[in-house]
């Protein structure tokens, strides 16, 4: 069972950002699954590291779009 399900209500109507937001939701769900499984902590750590890197990429993309749109 997903921790968070993507809903159309979350859409910002910018396809690039919506795709990134959906990917972030997927990563959060992977982290939730890893933590619930209670297995190797390295698995959760890897997901956290991916999440941090992708979040940095995502916010940079959002900032670029905001700058170009004024």
N, C-alpha and C. Protein backbone atom coordinates (compact mmCIF):
# COMPACT_ATOMS: atom_id res chain seq x y z
N UNK A 1 0.84 -1.18 0.00
CA UNK A 1 0.00 0.00 0.00
C UNK A 1 0.89 1.25 0.00
N UNK A 2 0.57 2.17 -0.87
CA UNK A 2 1.37 3.39 -0.99
C UNK A 2 1.15 4.30 0.22
N UNK A 3 2.21 4.96 0.60
CA UNK A 3 2.15 5.97 1.66
C UNK A 3 1.38 7.19 1.15
N UNK A 4 1.64 7.54 -0.12
CA UNK A 4 1.03 8.71 -0.73
C UNK A 4 0.71 8.37 -2.18
N UNK A 5 -0.54 8.57 -2.57
CA UNK A 5 -0.95 8.34 -3.94
C UNK A 5 -1.04 9.69 -4.66
N UNK A 6 -0.47 9.73 -5.87
CA UNK A 6 -0.57 10.93 -6.69
C UNK A 6 -2.03 11.16 -7.04
N UNK A 7 -2.45 12.39 -6.92
CA UNK A 7 -3.81 12.76 -7.29
C UNK A 7 -3.74 13.93 -8.26
N UNK A 8 -4.66 13.99 -9.17
CA UNK A 8 -4.70 15.07 -10.15
C UNK A 8 -4.79 16.43 -9.46
N UNK A 9 -5.35 16.47 -8.27
CA UNK A 9 -5.47 17.72 -7.52
C UNK A 9 -4.09 18.30 -7.18
N UNK A 10 -3.05 17.46 -7.20
CA UNK A 10 -1.69 17.93 -6.90
C UNK A 10 -1.04 18.59 -8.11
N UNK A 11 -1.64 18.44 -9.27
CA UNK A 11 -1.05 18.94 -10.50
C UNK A 11 -0.89 20.46 -10.48
N UNK A 12 0.25 20.91 -10.98
CA UNK A 12 0.49 22.35 -11.14
C UNK A 12 0.30 22.76 -12.60
N UNK A 13 -0.16 21.81 -13.42
CA UNK A 13 -0.47 22.03 -14.84
C UNK A 13 0.76 22.41 -15.66
N UNK A 14 1.92 22.01 -15.19
CA UNK A 14 3.18 22.15 -15.94
C UNK A 14 3.72 20.73 -16.07
N UNK A 15 3.61 20.14 -17.26
CA UNK A 15 3.96 18.72 -17.41
C UNK A 15 5.32 18.34 -16.83
N UNK A 16 6.34 19.13 -17.06
CA UNK A 16 7.67 18.81 -16.55
C UNK A 16 7.67 18.72 -15.02
N UNK A 17 7.02 19.68 -14.39
CA UNK A 17 6.99 19.69 -12.92
C UNK A 17 6.08 18.59 -12.39
N UNK A 18 4.96 18.34 -13.05
CA UNK A 18 4.09 17.26 -12.60
C UNK A 18 4.81 15.91 -12.66
N UNK A 19 5.58 15.70 -13.71
CA UNK A 19 6.35 14.46 -13.82
C UNK A 19 7.36 14.36 -12.68
N UNK A 20 8.01 15.47 -12.39
CA UNK A 20 8.98 15.46 -11.29
C UNK A 20 8.29 15.23 -9.95
N UNK A 21 7.15 15.86 -9.76
CA UNK A 21 6.41 15.66 -8.51
C UNK A 21 5.98 14.20 -8.37
N UNK A 22 5.54 13.60 -9.47
CA UNK A 22 5.15 12.19 -9.42
C UNK A 22 6.34 11.31 -9.08
N UNK A 23 7.49 11.65 -9.62
CA UNK A 23 8.70 10.87 -9.30
C UNK A 23 9.04 11.03 -7.82
N UNK A 24 8.91 12.23 -7.28
CA UNK A 24 9.18 12.45 -5.85
C UNK A 24 8.21 11.64 -4.99
N UNK A 25 6.94 11.59 -5.38
CA UNK A 25 5.96 10.78 -4.65
C UNK A 25 6.38 9.32 -4.68
N UNK A 26 6.83 8.86 -5.83
CA UNK A 26 7.29 7.48 -5.94
C UNK A 26 8.47 7.20 -5.03
N UNK A 27 9.38 8.15 -4.96
CA UNK A 27 10.55 7.97 -4.10
C UNK A 27 10.15 7.96 -2.62
N UNK A 28 9.22 8.82 -2.25
CA UNK A 28 8.72 8.81 -0.87
C UNK A 28 8.07 7.47 -0.55
N UNK A 29 7.34 6.92 -1.50
CA UNK A 29 6.72 5.61 -1.29
C UNK A 29 7.78 4.51 -1.14
N UNK A 30 8.84 4.59 -1.94
CA UNK A 30 9.93 3.62 -1.81
C UNK A 30 10.59 3.72 -0.43
N UNK A 31 10.78 4.95 0.04
CA UNK A 31 11.38 5.14 1.36
C UNK A 31 10.46 4.56 2.44
N UNK A 32 9.20 4.84 2.33
CA UNK A 32 8.22 4.32 3.29
C UNK A 32 8.25 2.79 3.30
N UNK A 33 8.27 2.19 2.12
CA UNK A 33 8.32 0.73 2.03
C UNK A 33 9.59 0.18 2.67
N UNK A 34 10.72 0.84 2.41
CA UNK A 34 11.99 0.38 2.97
C UNK A 34 11.98 0.46 4.49
N UNK A 35 11.40 1.53 5.02
CA UNK A 35 11.36 1.68 6.47
C UNK A 35 10.39 0.69 7.11
N UNK A 36 9.27 0.46 6.46
CA UNK A 36 8.29 -0.50 6.99
C UNK A 36 8.82 -1.92 6.98
N UNK A 37 9.63 -2.23 5.97
CA UNK A 37 10.16 -3.59 5.84
C UNK A 37 11.10 -3.93 6.99
N UNK A 38 11.74 -2.91 7.53
CA UNK A 38 12.62 -3.12 8.66
C UNK A 38 13.85 -3.94 8.33
N UNK A 39 14.22 -3.98 7.08
CA UNK A 39 15.38 -4.77 6.68
C UNK A 39 16.68 -3.99 6.82
N UNK A 40 17.52 -4.15 5.85
CA UNK A 40 18.84 -3.53 5.84
C UNK A 40 18.70 -2.00 5.82
N UNK A 41 19.22 -1.30 6.81
CA UNK A 41 19.14 0.16 6.84
C UNK A 41 19.82 0.80 5.63
N UNK A 42 20.74 0.11 5.01
CA UNK A 42 21.43 0.65 3.84
C UNK A 42 20.46 0.88 2.69
N UNK A 43 19.39 0.09 2.62
CA UNK A 43 18.40 0.27 1.56
C UNK A 43 17.69 1.61 1.75
N UNK A 44 17.24 1.89 2.95
CA UNK A 44 16.59 3.17 3.23
C UNK A 44 17.56 4.32 3.02
N UNK A 45 18.80 4.15 3.43
CA UNK A 45 19.81 5.19 3.26
C UNK A 45 20.01 5.52 1.79
N UNK A 46 20.02 4.50 0.94
CA UNK A 46 20.19 4.72 -0.49
C UNK A 46 19.02 5.52 -1.06
N UNK A 47 17.82 5.19 -0.63
CA UNK A 47 16.63 5.92 -1.11
C UNK A 47 16.69 7.37 -0.64
N UNK A 48 17.10 7.59 0.60
CA UNK A 48 17.22 8.96 1.13
C UNK A 48 18.23 9.76 0.30
N UNK A 49 19.35 9.14 0.00
CA UNK A 49 20.37 9.83 -0.80
C UNK A 49 19.83 10.18 -2.19
N UNK A 50 19.12 9.26 -2.81
CA UNK A 50 18.51 9.53 -4.12
C UNK A 50 17.48 10.65 -4.01
N UNK A 51 16.70 10.61 -2.95
CA UNK A 51 15.67 11.61 -2.74
C UNK A 51 16.27 13.00 -2.57
N UNK A 52 17.34 13.10 -1.81
CA UNK A 52 18.01 14.39 -1.61
C UNK A 52 18.54 14.92 -2.94
N UNK A 53 19.23 14.08 -3.69
CA UNK A 53 19.78 14.52 -4.98
C UNK A 53 18.69 14.93 -5.95
N UNK A 54 17.63 14.14 -6.02
CA UNK A 54 16.56 14.47 -6.96
C UNK A 54 15.81 15.72 -6.52
N UNK A 55 15.64 15.90 -5.23
CA UNK A 55 14.97 17.11 -4.73
C UNK A 55 15.77 18.35 -5.11
N UNK A 56 17.09 18.28 -5.02
CA UNK A 56 17.93 19.41 -5.43
C UNK A 56 17.74 19.69 -6.92
N UNK A 57 17.73 18.65 -7.73
CA UNK A 57 17.49 18.79 -9.17
C UNK A 57 16.12 19.42 -9.42
N UNK A 58 15.12 18.93 -8.73
CA UNK A 58 13.75 19.41 -8.91
C UNK A 58 13.63 20.89 -8.57
N UNK A 59 14.15 21.30 -7.42
CA UNK A 59 14.02 22.71 -7.04
C UNK A 59 14.80 23.61 -7.98
N UNK A 60 15.93 23.16 -8.49
CA UNK A 60 16.67 23.94 -9.48
C UNK A 60 15.83 24.12 -10.74
N UNK A 61 15.14 23.07 -11.16
CA UNK A 61 14.28 23.16 -12.34
C UNK A 61 13.12 24.11 -12.08
N UNK A 62 12.53 24.04 -10.91
CA UNK A 62 11.43 24.96 -10.58
C UNK A 62 11.91 26.41 -10.59
N UNK A 63 13.08 26.65 -10.02
CA UNK A 63 13.61 28.01 -9.98
C UNK A 63 13.88 28.53 -11.39
N UNK A 64 14.43 27.67 -12.26
CA UNK A 64 14.66 28.09 -13.66
C UNK A 64 13.36 28.46 -14.34
N UNK A 65 12.33 27.64 -14.15
CA UNK A 65 11.03 27.93 -14.76
C UNK A 65 10.44 29.22 -14.23
N UNK A 66 10.58 29.47 -12.94
CA UNK A 66 10.04 30.70 -12.36
C UNK A 66 10.79 31.92 -12.90
N UNK A 67 12.11 31.79 -13.05
CA UNK A 67 12.89 32.91 -13.58
C UNK A 67 12.50 33.21 -15.03
N UNK A 68 12.33 32.18 -15.83
CA UNK A 68 12.01 32.41 -17.25
C UNK A 68 10.58 32.89 -17.44
N UNK A 69 9.70 32.58 -16.50
CA UNK A 69 8.31 33.02 -16.65
C UNK A 69 8.04 34.35 -15.96
N UNK A 70 9.04 34.82 -15.20
CA UNK A 70 8.89 36.11 -14.53
C UNK A 70 8.00 36.03 -13.34
